Amino acid sequence: MFKLSDLFILLAVAVSFAVSGYTWFNGYQMQGLFTAVWVPSILAFGIYFKLASLSARGRES
């Protein structure tokens, strides 16, 4: 179901979200917003690479 690459992407999202929350609530709102923008970006790259691999796998058969 989940490949190792999927877990790494989800781990990167979780770390980014945690760092964003940590910086936001410690008084660094601008840095918190900057790292919060990473979460959807990492997810978008993960989805793109997942679809690219599925597309390449579909062409082989």
PDB file of N, CA and C in Angstrom:
ATOM      1  N   MET A   1       0.826  -1.186   0.000  1.00  0.00           N
ATOM      2  CA  MET A   1       0.000   0.000   0.000  1.00  0.00           C
ATOM      3  C   MET A   1       0.874   1.256   0.000  1.00  0.00           C
ATOM      4  N   PHE A   2       1.635   1.466   1.073  1.00  0.00           N
ATOM      5  CA  PHE A   2       2.555   2.597   1.113  1.00  0.00           C
ATOM      6  C   PHE A   2       3.952   2.106   0.790  1.00  0.00           C
ATOM      7  N   LYS A   3       4.609   2.832  -0.099  1.00  0.00           N
ATOM      8  CA  LYS A   3       6.004   2.539  -0.382  1.00  0.00           C
ATOM      9  C   LYS A   3       6.864   3.373   0.556  1.00  0.00           C
ATOM     10  N   LEU A   4       8.136   3.049   0.599  1.00  0.00           N
ATOM     11  CA  LEU A   4       9.063   3.768   1.466  1.00  0.00           C
ATOM     12  C   LEU A   4       9.140   5.242   1.085  1.00  0.00           C
ATOM     13  N   SER A   5       9.086   5.550  -0.208  1.00  0.00           N
ATOM     14  CA  SER A   5       9.140   6.943  -0.650  1.00  0.00           C
ATOM     15  C   SER A   5       7.918   7.724  -0.164  1.00  0.00           C
ATOM     16  N   ASP A   6       6.752   7.069  -0.120  1.00  0.00           N
ATOM     17  CA  ASP A   6       5.548   7.725   0.399  1.00  0.00           C
ATOM     18  C   ASP A   6       5.714   8.076   1.877  1.00  0.00           C
ATOM     19  N   LEU A   7       6.304   7.164   2.624  1.00  0.00           N
ATOM     20  CA  LEU A   7       6.516   7.425   4.049  1.00  0.00           C
ATOM     21  C   LEU A   7       7.507   8.562   4.278  1.00  0.00           C
ATOM     22  N   PHE A   8       8.534   8.646   3.428  1.00  0.00           N
ATOM     23  CA  PHE A   8       9.489   9.747   3.553  1.00  0.00           C
ATOM     24  C   PHE A   8       8.817  11.093   3.270  1.00  0.00           C
ATOM     25  N   ILE A   9       7.942  11.126   2.294  1.00  0.00           N
ATOM     26  CA  ILE A   9       7.235  12.370   1.976  1.00  0.00           C
ATOM     27  C   ILE A   9       6.325  12.764   3.141  1.00  0.00           C
ATOM     28  N   LEU A  10       5.603  11.800   3.687  1.00  0.00           N
ATOM     29  CA  LEU A  10       4.742  12.099   4.834  1.00  0.00           C
ATOM     30  C   LEU A  10       5.557  12.520   6.050  1.00  0.00           C
ATOM     31  N   LEU A  11       6.724  11.931   6.235  1.00  0.00           N
ATOM     32  CA  LEU A  11       7.606  12.339   7.327  1.00  0.00           C
ATOM     33  C   LEU A  11       8.086  13.775   7.129  1.00  0.00           C
ATOM     34  N   ALA A  12       8.438  14.126   5.899  1.00  0.00           N
ATOM     35  CA  ALA A  12       8.876  15.498   5.603  1.00  0.00           C
ATOM     36  C   ALA A  12       7.750  16.493   5.868  1.00  0.00           C
ATOM     37  N   VAL A  13       6.520  16.122   5.521  1.00  0.00           N
ATOM     38  CA  VAL A  13       5.370  16.986   5.782  1.00  0.00           C
ATOM     39  C   VAL A  13       5.158  17.150   7.288  1.00  0.00           C
ATOM     40  N   ALA A  14       5.253  16.056   8.029  1.00  0.00           N
ATOM     41  CA  ALA A  14       5.056  16.124   9.481  1.00  0.00           C
ATOM     42  C   ALA A  14       6.132  16.970  10.154  1.00  0.00           C
ATOM     43  N   VAL A  15       7.369  16.821   9.724  1.00  0.00           N
ATOM     44  CA  VAL A  15       8.456  17.621  10.292  1.00  0.00           C
ATOM     45  C   VAL A  15       8.260  19.096   9.966  1.00  0.00           C
ATOM     46  N   SER A  16       7.888  19.394   8.744  1.00  0.00           N
ATOM     47  CA  SER A  16       7.654  20.778   8.350  1.00  0.00           C
ATOM     48  C   SER A  16       6.515  21.393   9.153  1.00  0.00           C
ATOM     49  N   PHE A  17       5.450  20.621   9.334  1.00  0.00           N
ATOM     50  CA  PHE A  17       4.320  21.113  10.114  1.00  0.00           C
ATOM     51  C   PHE A  17       4.712  21.353  11.570  1.00  0.00           C
ATOM     52  N   ALA A  18       5.489  20.446  12.136  1.00  0.00           N
ATOM     53  CA  ALA A  18       5.926  20.596  13.528  1.00  0.00           C
ATOM     54  C   ALA A  18       6.849  21.803  13.695  1.00  0.00           C
ATOM     55  N   VAL A  19       7.779  21.976  12.774  1.00  0.00           N
ATOM     56  CA  VAL A  19       8.690  23.132  12.835  1.00  0.00           C
ATOM     57  C   VAL A  19       7.909  24.427  12.674  1.00  0.00           C
ATOM     58  N   SER A  20       6.922  24.418  11.797  1.00  0.00           N
ATOM     59  CA  SER A  20       6.100  25.605  11.593  1.00  0.00           C
ATOM     60  C   SER A  20       5.346  25.980  12.863  1.00  0.00           C
ATOM     61  N   GLY A  21       4.715  24.994  13.478  1.00  0.00           N
ATOM     62  CA  GLY A  21       3.994  25.259  14.725  1.00  0.00           C
ATOM     63  C   GLY A  21       4.916  25.709  15.840  1.00  0.00           C
ATOM     64  N   TYR A  22       6.076  25.075  15.932  1.00  0.00           N
ATOM     65  CA  TYR A  22       7.047  25.435  16.969  1.00  0.00           C
ATOM     66  C   TYR A  22       7.506  26.884  16.812  1.00  0.00           C
ATOM     67  N   THR A  23       7.856  27.273  15.592  1.00  0.00           N
ATOM     68  CA  THR A  23       8.335  28.640  15.393  1.00  0.00           C
ATOM     69  C   THR A  23       7.211  29.655  15.564  1.00  0.00           C
ATOM     70  N   TRP A  24       6.003  29.315  15.122  1.00  0.00           N
ATOM     71  CA  TRP A  24       4.872  30.231  15.265  1.00  0.00           C
ATOM     72  C   TRP A  24       4.583  30.529  16.736  1.00  0.00           C
ATOM     73  N   PHE A  25       4.505  29.476  17.546  1.00  0.00           N
ATOM     74  CA  PHE A  25       4.129  29.663  18.944  1.00  0.00           C
ATOM     75  C   PHE A  25       5.275  30.126  19.830  1.00  0.00           C
ATOM     76  N   ASN A  26       6.479  30.207  19.294  1.00  0.00           N
ATOM     77  CA  ASN A  26       7.595  30.763  20.046  1.00  0.00           C
ATOM     78  C   ASN A  26       7.895  32.201  19.643  1.00  0.00           C
ATOM     79  N   GLY A  27       6.968  32.830  18.935  1.00  0.00           N
ATOM     80  CA  GLY A  27       7.105  34.249  18.649  1.00  0.00           C
ATOM     81  C   GLY A  27       7.714  34.589  17.308  1.00  0.00           C
ATOM     82  N   TYR A  28       8.000  33.606  16.502  1.00  0.00           N
ATOM     83  CA  TYR A  28       8.583  33.863  15.185  1.00  0.00           C
ATOM     84  C   TYR A  28       7.521  33.597  14.116  1.00  0.00           C
ATOM     85  N   GLN A  29       6.534  34.490  14.046  1.00  0.00           N
ATOM     86  CA  GLN A  29       5.394  34.262  13.159  1.00  0.00           C
ATOM     87  C   GLN A  29       5.788  34.225  11.690  1.00  0.00           C
ATOM     88  N   MET A  30       6.673  35.088  11.253  1.00  0.00           N
ATOM     89  CA  MET A  30       7.058  35.112   9.842  1.00  0.00           C
ATOM     90  C   MET A  30       7.771  33.820   9.436  1.00  0.00           C
ATOM     91  N   GLN A  31       8.675  33.325  10.286  1.00  0.00           N
ATOM     92  CA  GLN A  31       9.351  32.068   9.990  1.00  0.00           C
ATOM     93  C   GLN A  31       8.366  30.903  10.036  1.00  0.00           C
ATOM     94  N   GLY A  32       7.380  30.983  10.935  1.00  0.00           N
ATOM     95  CA  GLY A  32       6.354  29.951  11.003  1.00  0.00           C
ATOM     96  C   GLY A  32       5.506  29.908   9.749  1.00  0.00           C
ATOM     97  N   LEU A  33       5.151  31.076   9.237  1.00  0.00           N
ATOM     98  CA  LEU A  33       4.393  31.120   7.980  1.00  0.00           C
ATOM     99  C   LEU A  33       5.221  30.608   6.809  1.00  0.00           C
ATOM    100  N   PHE A  34       6.511  30.935   6.804  1.00  0.00           N
ATOM    101  CA  PHE A  34       7.378  30.488   5.721  1.00  0.00           C
ATOM    102  C   PHE A  34       7.460  28.960   5.692  1.00  0.00           C
ATOM    103  N   THR A  35       7.660  28.346   6.852  1.00  0.00           N
ATOM    104  CA  THR A  35       7.742  26.887   6.870  1.00  0.00           C
ATOM    105  C   THR A  35       6.370  26.245   6.687  1.00  0.00           C
ATOM    106  N   ALA A  36       5.301  26.949   6.998  1.00  0.00           N
ATOM    107  CA  ALA A  36       3.953  26.412   6.766  1.00  0.00           C
ATOM    108  C   ALA A  36       3.664  26.294   5.273  1.00  0.00           C
ATOM    109  N   VAL A  37       4.280  27.137   4.461  1.00  0.00           N
ATOM    110  CA  VAL A  37       4.089  27.069   3.016  1.00  0.00           C
ATOM    111  C   VAL A  37       4.743  25.811   2.448  1.00  0.00           C
ATOM    112  N   TRP A  38       5.717  25.255   3.147  1.00  0.00           N
ATOM    113  CA  TRP A  38       6.388  24.053   2.671  1.00  0.00           C
ATOM    114  C   TRP A  38       5.457  22.845   2.646  1.00  0.00           C
ATOM    115  N   VAL A  39       4.496  22.786   3.574  1.00  0.00           N
ATOM    116  CA  VAL A  39       3.646  21.594   3.694  1.00  0.00           C
ATOM    117  C   VAL A  39       2.902  21.294   2.387  1.00  0.00           C
ATOM    118  N   PRO A  40       2.129  22.217   1.829  1.00  0.00           N
ATOM    119  CA  PRO A  40       1.464  21.880   0.561  1.00  0.00           C
ATOM    120  C   PRO A  40       2.446  21.712  -0.597  1.00  0.00           C
ATOM    121  N   SER A  41       3.584  22.383  -0.541  1.00  0.00           N
ATOM    122  CA  SER A  41       4.574  22.226  -1.608  1.00  0.00           C
ATOM    123  C   SER A  41       5.159  20.819  -1.605  1.00  0.00           C
ATOM    124  N   ILE A  42       5.491  20.308  -0.438  1.00  0.00           N
ATOM    125  CA  ILE A  42       6.027  18.951  -0.337  1.00  0.00           C
ATOM    126  C   ILE A  42       4.977  17.943  -0.779  1.00  0.00           C
ATOM    127  N   LEU A  43       3.736  18.146  -0.366  1.00  0.00           N
ATOM    128  CA  LEU A  43       2.662  17.241  -0.782  1.00  0.00           C
ATOM    129  C   LEU A  43       2.458  17.279  -2.295  1.00  0.00           C
ATOM    130  N   ALA A  44       2.536  18.463  -2.887  1.00  0.00           N
ATOM    131  CA  ALA A  44       2.369  18.584  -4.336  1.00  0.00           C
ATOM    132  C   ALA A  44       3.487  17.858  -5.076  1.00  0.00           C
ATOM    133  N   PHE A  45       4.729  18.018  -4.638  1.00  0.00           N
ATOM    134  CA  PHE A  45       5.829  17.297  -5.261  1.00  0.00           C
ATOM    135  C   PHE A  45       5.664  15.790  -5.090  1.00  0.00           C
ATOM    136  N   GLY A  46       5.225  15.371  -3.923  1.00  0.00           N
ATOM    137  CA  GLY A  46       5.001  13.948  -3.686  1.00  0.00           C
ATOM    138  C   GLY A  46       3.935  13.382  -4.600  1.00  0.00           C
ATOM    139  N   ILE A  47       2.849  14.101  -4.765  1.00  0.00           N
ATOM    140  CA  ILE A  47       1.779  13.656  -5.660  1.00  0.00           C
ATOM    141  C   ILE A  47       2.273  13.616  -7.096  1.00  0.00           C
ATOM    142  N   TYR A  48       3.028  14.623  -7.498  1.00  0.00           N
ATOM    143  CA  TYR A  48       3.552  14.651  -8.866  1.00  0.00           C
ATOM    144  C   TYR A  48       4.438  13.437  -9.142  1.00  0.00           C
ATOM    145  N   PHE A  49       5.373  13.169  -8.238  1.00  0.00           N
ATOM    146  CA  PHE A  49       6.278  12.045  -8.459  1.00  0.00           C
ATOM    147  C   PHE A  49       5.548  10.708  -8.376  1.00  0.00           C
ATOM    148  N   LYS A  50       4.532  10.619  -7.533  1.00  0.00           N
ATOM    149  CA  LYS A  50       3.733   9.390  -7.456  1.00  0.00           C
ATOM    150  C   LYS A  50       2.986   9.168  -8.775  1.00  0.00           C
ATOM    151  N   LEU A  51       2.369  10.207  -9.302  1.00  0.00           N
ATOM    152  CA  LEU A  51       1.658  10.073 -10.573  1.00  0.00           C
ATOM    153  C   LEU A  51       2.612   9.785 -11.728  1.00  0.00           C
ATOM    154  N   ALA A  52       3.790  10.379 -11.697  1.00  0.00           N
ATOM    155  CA  ALA A  52       4.776  10.118 -12.743  1.00  0.00           C
ATOM    156  C   ALA A  52       5.218   8.661 -12.719  1.00  0.00           C
ATOM    157  N   SER A  53       5.427   8.113 -11.529  1.00  0.00           N
ATOM    158  CA  SER A  53       5.845   6.713 -11.449  1.00  0.00           C
ATOM    159  C   SER A  53       4.714   5.785 -11.863  1.00  0.00           C
ATOM    160  N   LEU A  54       3.480   6.108 -11.511  1.00  0.00           N
ATOM    161  CA  LEU A  54       2.335   5.293 -11.929  1.00  0.00           C
ATOM    162  C   LEU A  54       2.143   5.351 -13.447  1.00  0.00           C
ATOM    163  N   SER A  55       2.360   6.511 -14.030  1.00  0.00           N
ATOM    164  CA  SER A  55       2.233   6.662 -15.465  1.00  0.00           C
ATOM    165  C   SER A  55       3.312   5.871 -16.199  1.00  0.00           C
ATOM    166  N   ALA A  56       4.536   5.919 -15.686  1.00  0.00           N
ATOM    167  CA  ALA A  56       5.622   5.174 -16.309  1.00  0.00           C
ATOM    168  C   ALA A  56       5.402   3.670 -16.171  1.00  0.00           C
ATOM    169  N   ARG A  57       4.857   3.261 -15.054  1.00  0.00           N
ATOM    170  CA  ARG A  57       4.577   1.846 -14.847  1.00  0.00           C
ATOM    171  C   ARG A  57       3.459   1.374 -15.773  1.00  0.00           C
ATOM    172  N   GLY A  58       2.499   2.247 -16.066  1.00  0.00           N
ATOM    173  CA  GLY A  58       1.397   1.899 -16.964  1.00  0.00           C
ATOM    174  C   GLY A  58       1.842   1.765 -18.405  1.00  0.00           C
ATOM    175  N   ARG A  59       2.853   2.511 -18.806  1.00  0.00           N
ATOM    176  CA  ARG A  59       3.348   2.450 -20.184  1.00  0.00           C
ATOM    177  C   ARG A  59       4.177   1.190 -20.436  1.00  0.00           C
ATOM    178  N   GLU A  60       4.767   0.635 -19.359  1.00  0.00           N
ATOM    179  CA  GLU A  60       5.596  -0.543 -19.531  1.00  0.00           C
ATOM    180  C   GLU A  60       4.785  -1.778 -19.871  1.00  0.00           C
ATOM    181  N   SER A  61       3.562  -1.861 -19.386  1.00  0.00           N
ATOM    182  CA  SER A  61       2.788  -3.087 -19.610  1.00  0.00           C
ATOM    183  C   SER A  61       1.945  -3.042 -20.851  1.00  0.00           C
TER     184      SER A  61
END
